[in-house]
């Protein structure tokens, strides 16, 4: 009887854990509301630019103008500027962008073999980005001006034609620190390759970048 009692108790615990893992700790509308407060340039995309299907990168405008506008916004709001150099075709660029905006793919970054609720981590990341950064996507494939942005920020020594290259600048517009992309990314080699980020490590890196860009 004691054995069956122990088995029953174990089953109840497993059922409770399974139920908890499948439930959202934070409502999606709360995450969406926080994501709406994240300022990301370009603020809009021209549907007449190329095929009009771009989601994050302005493939036609001068990127130096985009950077200048984003830097002015960051200065006005007393935030660091997070520069993401990439291209519209770059999968990692879009996954990183979605992560900063609160994407909640069902993946636990603590145990990579288990799936569960990640909504609280998503909200924590979005809240941190919104409070501390203005984000700008710099297109380095079709649009003009990306090289000028790299030169103007003093980031030439840190850009190695790798997308996304992510770094922060302070109010003076000068390079402060580069995000360690291999450190924060997760890639599962499965039938449907998974591209994702460890939100805890992304926040850790962003805090390092912010401290470098906005020293007290």
Protein backbone atom coordinates (compact mmCIF):
# COMPACT_ATOMS: atom_id res chain seq x y z
CA UNK A 1 0.00 0.00 0.00
CA UNK A 2 2.83 2.35 0.83
CA UNK A 3 4.34 1.68 -2.59
CA UNK A 4 1.08 2.44 -4.37
CA UNK A 5 0.70 5.56 -2.26
CA UNK A 6 4.14 6.76 -3.28
CA UNK A 7 3.39 6.04 -6.94
CA UNK A 8 0.10 7.92 -6.73
CA UNK A 9 1.80 10.90 -5.10
CA UNK A 10 4.48 10.92 -7.80
CA UNK A 11 1.83 10.85 -10.53
CA UNK A 12 0.02 13.77 -8.94
CA UNK A 13 3.24 15.77 -8.81
CA UNK A 14 3.98 15.01 -12.46
CA UNK A 15 0.48 16.02 -13.46
CA UNK A 16 0.79 19.28 -11.58
CA UNK A 17 4.16 20.03 -13.18
CA UNK A 18 2.84 19.22 -16.65
CA UNK A 19 -0.13 21.50 -16.11
CA UNK A 20 2.05 24.30 -14.81
CA UNK A 21 4.48 23.98 -17.72
CA UNK A 22 1.62 24.34 -20.19
CA UNK A 23 0.15 27.46 -18.61
CA UNK A 24 1.26 30.99 -19.34
CA UNK A 25 2.62 32.86 -16.35
CA UNK A 26 2.15 36.22 -18.11
CA UNK A 27 -0.78 37.08 -20.42
CA UNK A 28 0.25 37.75 -24.00
CA UNK A 29 -1.44 41.15 -24.01
CA UNK A 30 0.81 42.24 -21.14
CA UNK A 31 3.88 41.25 -23.16
CA UNK A 32 2.49 42.98 -26.26
CA UNK A 33 1.87 46.17 -24.28
CA UNK A 34 5.48 46.15 -23.06
CA UNK A 35 6.76 45.45 -26.58
CA UNK A 36 4.85 48.46 -27.87
CA UNK A 37 7.04 50.62 -25.64
CA UNK A 38 10.25 49.42 -27.30
CA UNK A 39 11.37 52.11 -29.76
CA UNK A 40 12.76 50.49 -32.90
CA UNK A 41 14.04 52.19 -36.05
CA UNK A 42 13.02 52.22 -38.79
CA UNK A 43 9.70 53.38 -37.37
CA UNK A 44 7.99 52.28 -40.58
CA UNK A 45 8.87 50.60 -43.86
CA UNK A 46 8.09 51.84 -47.36
CA UNK A 47 5.94 49.24 -49.16
CA UNK A 48 7.35 50.55 -52.44
CA UNK A 49 10.90 49.61 -51.41
CA UNK A 50 12.09 46.59 -53.38
CA UNK A 51 9.42 43.88 -53.11
CA UNK A 52 7.68 45.55 -50.15
CA UNK A 53 7.96 42.45 -47.97
CA UNK A 54 10.63 43.63 -45.53
CA UNK A 55 9.75 43.18 -41.85
CA UNK A 56 12.61 44.86 -40.01
CA UNK A 57 15.15 46.46 -42.34
CA UNK A 58 14.78 49.51 -44.57
CA UNK A 59 16.41 48.32 -47.76
CA UNK A 60 16.23 51.63 -49.62
CA UNK A 61 16.83 54.63 -47.33
CA UNK A 62 20.22 55.98 -46.37
CA UNK A 63 21.19 54.16 -43.20
CA UNK A 64 23.19 57.11 -41.90
CA UNK A 65 19.97 59.15 -41.76
CA UNK A 66 18.28 56.29 -39.91
CA UNK A 67 21.13 56.07 -37.41
CA UNK A 68 21.13 59.85 -36.84
CA UNK A 69 17.39 59.87 -36.10
CA UNK A 70 17.67 56.90 -33.74
CA UNK A 71 20.63 58.43 -31.90
CA UNK A 72 18.74 61.70 -31.41
CA UNK A 73 15.80 59.76 -29.96
CA UNK A 74 18.11 57.87 -27.61
CA UNK A 75 19.73 61.13 -26.46
CA UNK A 76 16.33 62.70 -25.82
CA UNK A 77 15.19 59.70 -23.77
CA UNK A 78 18.54 59.29 -21.96
CA UNK A 79 18.96 55.76 -23.28
CA UNK A 80 21.73 53.84 -24.97
CA UNK A 81 21.40 53.11 -28.68
CA UNK A 82 21.46 49.42 -29.63
CA UNK A 83 22.64 49.04 -33.21
CA UNK A 84 21.84 45.80 -35.03
CA UNK A 85 23.64 45.50 -38.35
CA UNK A 86 22.09 42.87 -40.56
CA UNK A 87 19.92 42.18 -43.56
CA UNK A 88 16.34 41.24 -44.27
CA UNK A 89 17.29 37.71 -45.34
CA UNK A 90 19.19 37.04 -42.09
CA UNK A 91 17.24 34.52 -39.96
CA UNK A 92 19.18 35.29 -36.78
CA UNK A 93 18.46 39.00 -37.24
CA UNK A 94 14.72 38.35 -37.26
CA UNK A 95 14.85 35.92 -34.36
CA UNK A 96 16.81 38.42 -32.27
CA UNK A 97 14.35 41.17 -33.18
CA UNK A 98 11.41 38.95 -32.24
CA UNK A 99 13.10 38.04 -28.96
CA UNK A 100 13.57 41.70 -28.04
CA UNK A 101 9.88 42.24 -28.78
CA UNK A 102 8.68 39.44 -26.50
CA UNK A 103 8.40 36.36 -28.68
CA UNK A 104 7.41 33.40 -26.49
CA UNK A 105 8.34 30.28 -28.41
CA UNK A 106 7.63 27.29 -26.16
CA UNK A 107 11.21 26.54 -25.23
CA UNK A 108 12.84 26.44 -21.81
CA UNK A 109 16.40 27.67 -21.87
CA UNK A 110 17.15 25.92 -18.59
CA UNK A 111 16.54 22.40 -19.85
CA UNK A 112 16.82 22.24 -23.62
CA UNK A 113 15.01 18.92 -23.77
CA UNK A 114 11.83 20.23 -22.20
CA UNK A 115 9.28 22.72 -23.39
CA UNK A 116 7.38 25.01 -21.08
CA UNK A 117 6.27 28.49 -20.23
CA UNK A 118 8.77 31.25 -21.07
CA UNK A 119 6.45 34.23 -20.82
CA UNK A 120 7.93 35.76 -17.66
CA UNK A 121 11.43 35.70 -19.15
CA UNK A 122 10.09 37.28 -22.33
CA UNK A 123 8.42 40.07 -20.37
CA UNK A 124 11.55 40.70 -18.29
CA UNK A 125 13.64 41.09 -21.44
CA UNK A 126 11.15 43.38 -23.18
CA UNK A 127 10.81 45.57 -20.10
CA UNK A 128 14.58 45.93 -19.83
CA UNK A 129 15.03 46.82 -23.49
CA UNK A 130 12.21 49.35 -23.45
CA UNK A 131 13.53 51.09 -20.35
CA UNK A 132 17.17 51.27 -21.40
CA UNK A 133 17.59 51.25 -25.18
CA UNK A 134 16.46 52.66 -28.47
CA UNK A 135 16.98 49.99 -31.12
CA UNK A 136 18.01 50.61 -34.73
CA UNK A 137 18.30 48.09 -37.56
CA UNK A 138 21.04 49.00 -40.03
CA UNK A 139 20.70 47.26 -43.39
CA UNK A 140 24.07 46.26 -44.85
CA UNK A 141 23.10 44.59 -48.11
CA UNK A 142 21.05 46.78 -50.43
CA UNK A 143 20.68 50.17 -48.74
CA UNK A 144 23.40 52.83 -48.78
CA UNK A 145 25.07 54.21 -45.68
CA UNK A 146 25.86 51.18 -43.51
CA UNK A 147 29.60 51.61 -43.97
CA UNK A 148 29.27 55.25 -42.95
CA UNK A 149 27.43 54.24 -39.77
CA UNK A 150 30.17 51.77 -38.89
CA UNK A 151 32.83 54.42 -39.48
CA UNK A 152 30.95 57.18 -37.65
CA UNK A 153 30.47 55.05 -34.54
CA UNK A 154 34.06 53.84 -34.47
CA UNK A 155 32.93 50.24 -34.81
CA UNK A 156 35.12 49.29 -37.77
CA UNK A 157 37.37 47.03 -35.73
CA UNK A 158 34.37 45.13 -34.34
CA UNK A 159 32.43 44.46 -37.53
CA UNK A 160 33.47 41.29 -39.36
CA UNK A 161 30.69 40.89 -41.95
CA UNK A 162 28.76 38.73 -39.50
CA UNK A 163 25.00 39.19 -39.20
CA UNK A 164 23.72 40.26 -36.84
CA UNK A 165 26.50 42.40 -35.45
CA UNK A 166 25.05 44.04 -32.34
CA UNK A 167 26.65 46.82 -30.36
CA UNK A 168 25.76 49.81 -28.21
CA UNK A 169 26.74 53.45 -28.45
CA UNK A 170 26.37 56.15 -25.85
CA UNK A 171 25.05 59.71 -26.17
CA UNK A 172 28.22 60.68 -28.07
CA UNK A 173 27.40 58.14 -30.77
CA UNK A 174 30.63 56.24 -30.19
CA UNK A 175 31.10 52.49 -29.90
CA UNK A 176 30.82 51.29 -26.30
CA UNK A 177 30.61 47.49 -26.38
CA UNK A 178 29.65 44.61 -28.67
CA UNK A 179 27.16 41.88 -27.77
CA UNK A 180 28.72 38.41 -27.64
CA UNK A 181 26.35 36.75 -30.10
CA UNK A 182 27.70 33.18 -29.90
CA UNK A 183 27.32 33.36 -26.11
CA UNK A 184 23.59 34.16 -26.12
CA UNK A 185 22.30 32.13 -29.06
CA UNK A 186 20.88 28.62 -29.00
CA UNK A 187 20.68 26.41 -32.05
CA UNK A 188 19.21 22.93 -31.97
CA UNK A 189 20.21 20.65 -34.81
CA UNK A 190 16.95 18.86 -35.39
CA UNK A 191 14.70 18.12 -38.36
CA UNK A 192 13.32 21.62 -37.92
CA UNK A 193 16.43 23.54 -36.90
CA UNK A 194 15.68 25.78 -33.93
CA UNK A 195 17.11 29.29 -33.80
CA UNK A 196 16.69 31.02 -30.47
CA UNK A 197 18.24 33.00 -27.66
CA UNK A 198 18.76 32.46 -23.97
CA UNK A 199 16.81 35.44 -22.63
CA UNK A 200 18.68 35.42 -19.32
CA UNK A 201 22.02 35.68 -21.12
CA UNK A 202 20.68 38.34 -23.51
CA UNK A 203 19.71 40.52 -20.53
CA UNK A 204 23.11 39.87 -18.97
CA UNK A 205 24.84 41.02 -22.16
CA UNK A 206 22.55 44.01 -22.60
CA UNK A 207 23.31 45.13 -19.06
CA UNK A 208 27.01 44.97 -19.88
CA UNK A 209 26.48 47.00 -23.05
CA UNK A 210 24.34 49.56 -21.24
CA UNK A 211 26.90 50.01 -18.47
CA UNK A 212 29.59 50.64 -21.09
CA UNK A 213 27.45 53.08 -23.06
CA UNK A 214 25.90 54.94 -20.14
CA UNK A 215 28.46 54.92 -17.28
CA UNK A 216 27.22 56.50 -14.09
